[in-house]
Amino acid sequence: MSNVDGHFSWADYVDLARDLVAGDAVSEAAASRAYYGLPGACRWWLISHVGYLASPGPEDHVKVWEQFDRMGTEAALLVATAGETLKLGRKHADYDATREFTHALAVQMVSAARHGLSALEQLAR
């Protein structure tokens, strides 16, 4: 799972999530891969295209989505929206003990991550 320059390929992580979500037993694993895959790919895009300085810790995901939101283009806003969808899905999956995590939520999260990657590819053009 590395790209041409030898770095970890976050986009491949989202592809893995798509493959995992095909089976109910691994829905939570798929959702996790989607949640980490999109922001990882987006962080690398920001570093290489706008000189973004990543910060350690969980707050970096929020900063990544804020960066895309501030760009204001349609593709960037799609990336930010996908990130927010993943954030809400993860909050439900990891912290909401009152509701069961469902396969449908995992599918929604993987779909959001794939849409976010598509929008990111549009920005790279």
C-alpha atoms as a PDB file:
ATOM      1  CA  MET A   1       0.000   0.000   0.000  1.00  0.00           C
ATOM      2  CA  SER A   2       2.450   2.629  -1.088  1.00  0.00           C
ATOM      3  CA  ASN A   3       2.298   5.112  -3.907  1.00  0.00           C
ATOM      4  CA  VAL A   4       4.961   5.917  -6.488  1.00  0.00           C
ATOM      5  CA  ASP A   5       7.014   8.093  -4.146  1.00  0.00           C
ATOM      6  CA  GLY A   6       7.131   5.379  -1.475  1.00  0.00           C
ATOM      7  CA  HIS A   7       4.635   6.996   0.923  1.00  0.00           C
ATOM      8  CA  PHE A   8       1.717   5.085   2.346  1.00  0.00           C
ATOM      9  CA  SER A   9      -1.215   5.255  -0.096  1.00  0.00           C
ATOM     10  CA  TRP A  10      -4.203   6.558   1.843  1.00  0.00           C
ATOM     11  CA  ALA A  11      -6.386   6.188  -1.241  1.00  0.00           C
ATOM     12  CA  ASP A  12      -5.640   2.435  -1.188  1.00  0.00           C
ATOM     13  CA  TYR A  13      -6.934   2.434   2.402  1.00  0.00           C
ATOM     14  CA  VAL A  14     -10.296   3.663   1.124  1.00  0.00           C
ATOM     15  CA  ASP A  15     -10.249   0.935  -1.561  1.00  0.00           C
ATOM     16  CA  LEU A  16      -9.649  -1.594   1.214  1.00  0.00           C
ATOM     17  CA  ALA A  17     -12.640  -0.140   3.050  1.00  0.00           C
ATOM     18  CA  ARG A  18     -14.790  -0.640  -0.059  1.00  0.00           C
ATOM     19  CA  ASP A  19     -13.699  -4.285  -0.213  1.00  0.00           C
ATOM     20  CA  LEU A  20     -14.261  -4.840   3.508  1.00  0.00           C
ATOM     21  CA  VAL A  21     -17.730  -3.327   3.563  1.00  0.00           C
ATOM     22  CA  ALA A  22     -18.923  -6.117   1.274  1.00  0.00           C
ATOM     23  CA  GLY A  23     -19.194  -8.368   4.348  1.00  0.00           C
ATOM     24  CA  ASP A  24     -21.302  -7.547   7.425  1.00  0.00           C
ATOM     25  CA  ALA A  25     -18.768  -8.996   9.871  1.00  0.00           C
ATOM     26  CA  VAL A  26     -16.164  -6.418   8.975  1.00  0.00           C
ATOM     27  CA  SER A  27     -18.362  -3.321   8.702  1.00  0.00           C
ATOM     28  CA  GLU A  28     -16.683  -1.538  11.602  1.00  0.00           C
ATOM     29  CA  ALA A  29     -13.235  -2.246  10.145  1.00  0.00           C
ATOM     30  CA  ALA A  30     -14.397  -0.845   6.809  1.00  0.00           C
ATOM     31  CA  ALA A  31     -15.768   2.289   8.470  1.00  0.00           C
ATOM     32  CA  SER A  32     -12.490   2.785  10.311  1.00  0.00           C
ATOM     33  CA  ARG A  33     -10.444   2.464   7.107  1.00  0.00           C
ATOM     34  CA  ALA A  34     -12.717   4.966   5.375  1.00  0.00           C
ATOM     35  CA  TYR A  35     -12.483   7.361   8.324  1.00  0.00           C
ATOM     36  CA  TYR A  36      -8.676   7.334   8.354  1.00  0.00           C
ATOM     37  CA  GLY A  37      -8.132   6.891   4.613  1.00  0.00           C
ATOM     38  CA  LEU A  38      -9.795  10.072   3.382  1.00  0.00           C
ATOM     39  CA  PRO A  39      -8.198  12.486   5.847  1.00  0.00           C
ATOM     40  CA  GLY A  40      -4.831  10.820   5.312  1.00  0.00           C
ATOM     41  CA  ALA A  41      -5.070  11.329   1.553  1.00  0.00           C
ATOM     42  CA  CYS A  42      -6.340  14.866   2.036  1.00  0.00           C
ATOM     43  CA  ARG A  43      -3.559  15.740   4.470  1.00  0.00           C
ATOM     44  CA  TRP A  44      -0.924  14.608   1.950  1.00  0.00           C
ATOM     45  CA  TRP A  45      -2.665  16.590  -0.796  1.00  0.00           C
ATOM     46  CA  LEU A  46      -2.620  19.727   1.366  1.00  0.00           C
ATOM     47  CA  ILE A  47       1.042  19.222   2.282  1.00  0.00           C
ATOM     48  CA  SER A  48       2.095  18.789  -1.332  1.00  0.00           C
ATOM     49  CA  HIS A  49      -0.171  21.416  -2.927  1.00  0.00           C
ATOM     50  CA  VAL A  50      -0.512  24.231  -0.404  1.00  0.00           C
ATOM     51  CA  GLY A  51       2.308  23.670   2.088  1.00  0.00           C
ATOM     52  CA  TYR A  52      -0.025  22.588   4.891  1.00  0.00           C
ATOM     53  CA  LEU A  53       1.735  21.947   8.192  1.00  0.00           C
ATOM     54  CA  ALA A  54       0.125  18.925   9.811  1.00  0.00           C
ATOM     55  CA  SER A  55      -0.319  18.997  13.548  1.00  0.00           C
ATOM     56  CA  PRO A  56      -0.080  15.888  15.695  1.00  0.00           C
ATOM     57  CA  GLY A  57      -3.206  14.600  17.308  1.00  0.00           C
ATOM     58  CA  PRO A  58      -6.865  14.114  16.514  1.00  0.00           C
ATOM     59  CA  GLU A  59      -7.509  17.828  15.996  1.00  0.00           C
ATOM     60  CA  ASP A  60      -5.626  17.579  12.705  1.00  0.00           C
ATOM     61  CA  HIS A  61      -8.641  15.941  11.018  1.00  0.00           C
ATOM     62  CA  VAL A  62     -10.758  18.970  11.915  1.00  0.00           C
ATOM     63  CA  LYS A  63      -8.079  21.304  10.560  1.00  0.00           C
ATOM     64  CA  VAL A  64      -7.892  19.335   7.314  1.00  0.00           C
ATOM     65  CA  TRP A  65     -11.653  19.725   6.731  1.00  0.00           C
ATOM     66  CA  GLU A  66     -11.456  23.410   7.626  1.00  0.00           C
ATOM     67  CA  GLN A  67      -8.705  23.917   5.025  1.00  0.00           C
ATOM     68  CA  PHE A  68     -10.869  22.441   2.277  1.00  0.00           C
ATOM     69  CA  ASP A  69     -13.908  24.372   3.457  1.00  0.00           C
ATOM     70  CA  ARG A  70     -11.960  27.641   3.256  1.00  0.00           C
ATOM     71  CA  MET A  71     -10.871  26.907  -0.328  1.00  0.00           C
ATOM     72  CA  GLY A  72     -14.471  27.421  -1.334  1.00  0.00           C
ATOM     73  CA  THR A  73     -14.405  25.598  -4.674  1.00  0.00           C
ATOM     74  CA  GLU A  74     -17.099  23.046  -5.418  1.00  0.00           C
ATOM     75  CA  ALA A  75     -14.648  20.132  -5.298  1.00  0.00           C
ATOM     76  CA  ALA A  76     -13.042  21.365  -2.071  1.00  0.00           C
ATOM     77  CA  LEU A  77     -16.454  21.747  -0.430  1.00  0.00           C
ATOM     78  CA  LEU A  78     -17.320  18.188  -1.492  1.00  0.00           C
ATOM     79  CA  VAL A  79     -14.132  16.996   0.218  1.00  0.00           C
ATOM     80  CA  ALA A  80     -15.009  18.930   3.381  1.00  0.00           C
ATOM     81  CA  THR A  81     -18.568  17.556   3.372  1.00  0.00           C
ATOM     82  CA  ALA A  82     -17.305  13.998   2.968  1.00  0.00           C
ATOM     83  CA  GLY A  83     -14.975  14.582   5.916  1.00  0.00           C
ATOM     84  CA  GLU A  84     -17.818  15.839   8.090  1.00  0.00           C
ATOM     85  CA  THR A  85     -19.927  12.813   7.134  1.00  0.00           C
ATOM     86  CA  LEU A  86     -17.084  10.529   8.195  1.00  0.00           C
ATOM     87  CA  LYS A  87     -16.593  12.427  11.448  1.00  0.00           C
ATOM     88  CA  LEU A  88     -20.273  12.042  12.359  1.00  0.00           C
ATOM     89  CA  GLY A  89     -20.245   8.359  11.395  1.00  0.00           C
ATOM     90  CA  ARG A  90     -17.174   7.675  13.512  1.00  0.00           C
ATOM     91  CA  LYS A  91     -18.682   9.544  16.459  1.00  0.00           C
ATOM     92  CA  HIS A  92     -21.723   7.298  16.207  1.00  0.00           C
ATOM     93  CA  ALA A  93     -19.660   4.126  15.725  1.00  0.00           C
ATOM     94  CA  ASP A  94     -17.207   4.769  18.550  1.00  0.00           C
ATOM     95  CA  TYR A  95     -19.041   6.850  21.123  1.00  0.00           C
ATOM     96  CA  ASP A  96     -22.811   6.331  20.860  1.00  0.00           C
ATOM     97  CA  ALA A  97     -23.535   3.352  23.072  1.00  0.00           C
ATOM     98  CA  THR A  98     -27.288   3.882  22.759  1.00  0.00           C
ATOM     99  CA  ARG A  99     -27.413   2.740  19.102  1.00  0.00           C
ATOM    100  CA  GLU A 100     -25.984  -0.283  17.359  1.00  0.00           C
ATOM    101  CA  PHE A 101     -23.425   0.268  14.628  1.00  0.00           C
ATOM    102  CA  THR A 102     -24.961  -0.910  11.382  1.00  0.00           C
ATOM    103  CA  HIS A 103     -23.700  -2.197   8.074  1.00  0.00           C
ATOM    104  CA  ALA A 104     -25.690   0.612   6.409  1.00  0.00           C
ATOM    105  CA  LEU A 105     -23.648   3.222   8.298  1.00  0.00           C
ATOM    106  CA  ALA A 106     -20.415   1.540   7.218  1.00  0.00           C
ATOM    107  CA  VAL A 107     -21.593   1.609   3.599  1.00  0.00           C
ATOM    108  CA  GLN A 108     -22.465   5.305   3.966  1.00  0.00           C
ATOM    109  CA  MET A 109     -19.021   6.080   5.408  1.00  0.00           C
ATOM    110  CA  VAL A 110     -17.177   4.186   2.664  1.00  0.00           C
ATOM    111  CA  SER A 111     -19.287   5.935   0.040  1.00  0.00           C
ATOM    112  CA  ALA A 112     -18.502   9.339   1.579  1.00  0.00           C
ATOM    113  CA  ALA A 113     -14.780   8.552   1.570  1.00  0.00           C
ATOM    114  CA  ARG A 114     -14.881   7.472  -2.084  1.00  0.00           C
ATOM    115  CA  HIS A 115     -16.782  10.639  -3.052  1.00  0.00           C
ATOM    116  CA  GLY A 116     -14.236  12.686  -1.134  1.00  0.00           C
ATOM    117  CA  LEU A 117     -11.376  11.010  -3.007  1.00  0.00           C
ATOM    118  CA  SER A 118     -13.105  11.695  -6.336  1.00  0.00           C
ATOM    119  CA  ALA A 119     -13.441  15.366  -5.410  1.00  0.00           C
ATOM    120  CA  LEU A 120      -9.791  15.433  -4.327  1.00  0.00           C
ATOM    121  CA  GLU A 121      -8.803  14.091  -7.761  1.00  0.00           C
ATOM    122  CA  GLN A 122     -10.763  16.953  -9.354  1.00  0.00           C
ATOM    123  CA  LEU A 123      -8.743  19.443  -7.317  1.00  0.00           C
ATOM    124  CA  ALA A 124      -5.496  17.896  -8.535  1.00  0.00           C
ATOM    125  CA  ARG A 125      -6.370  18.641 -12.184  1.00  0.00           C
END
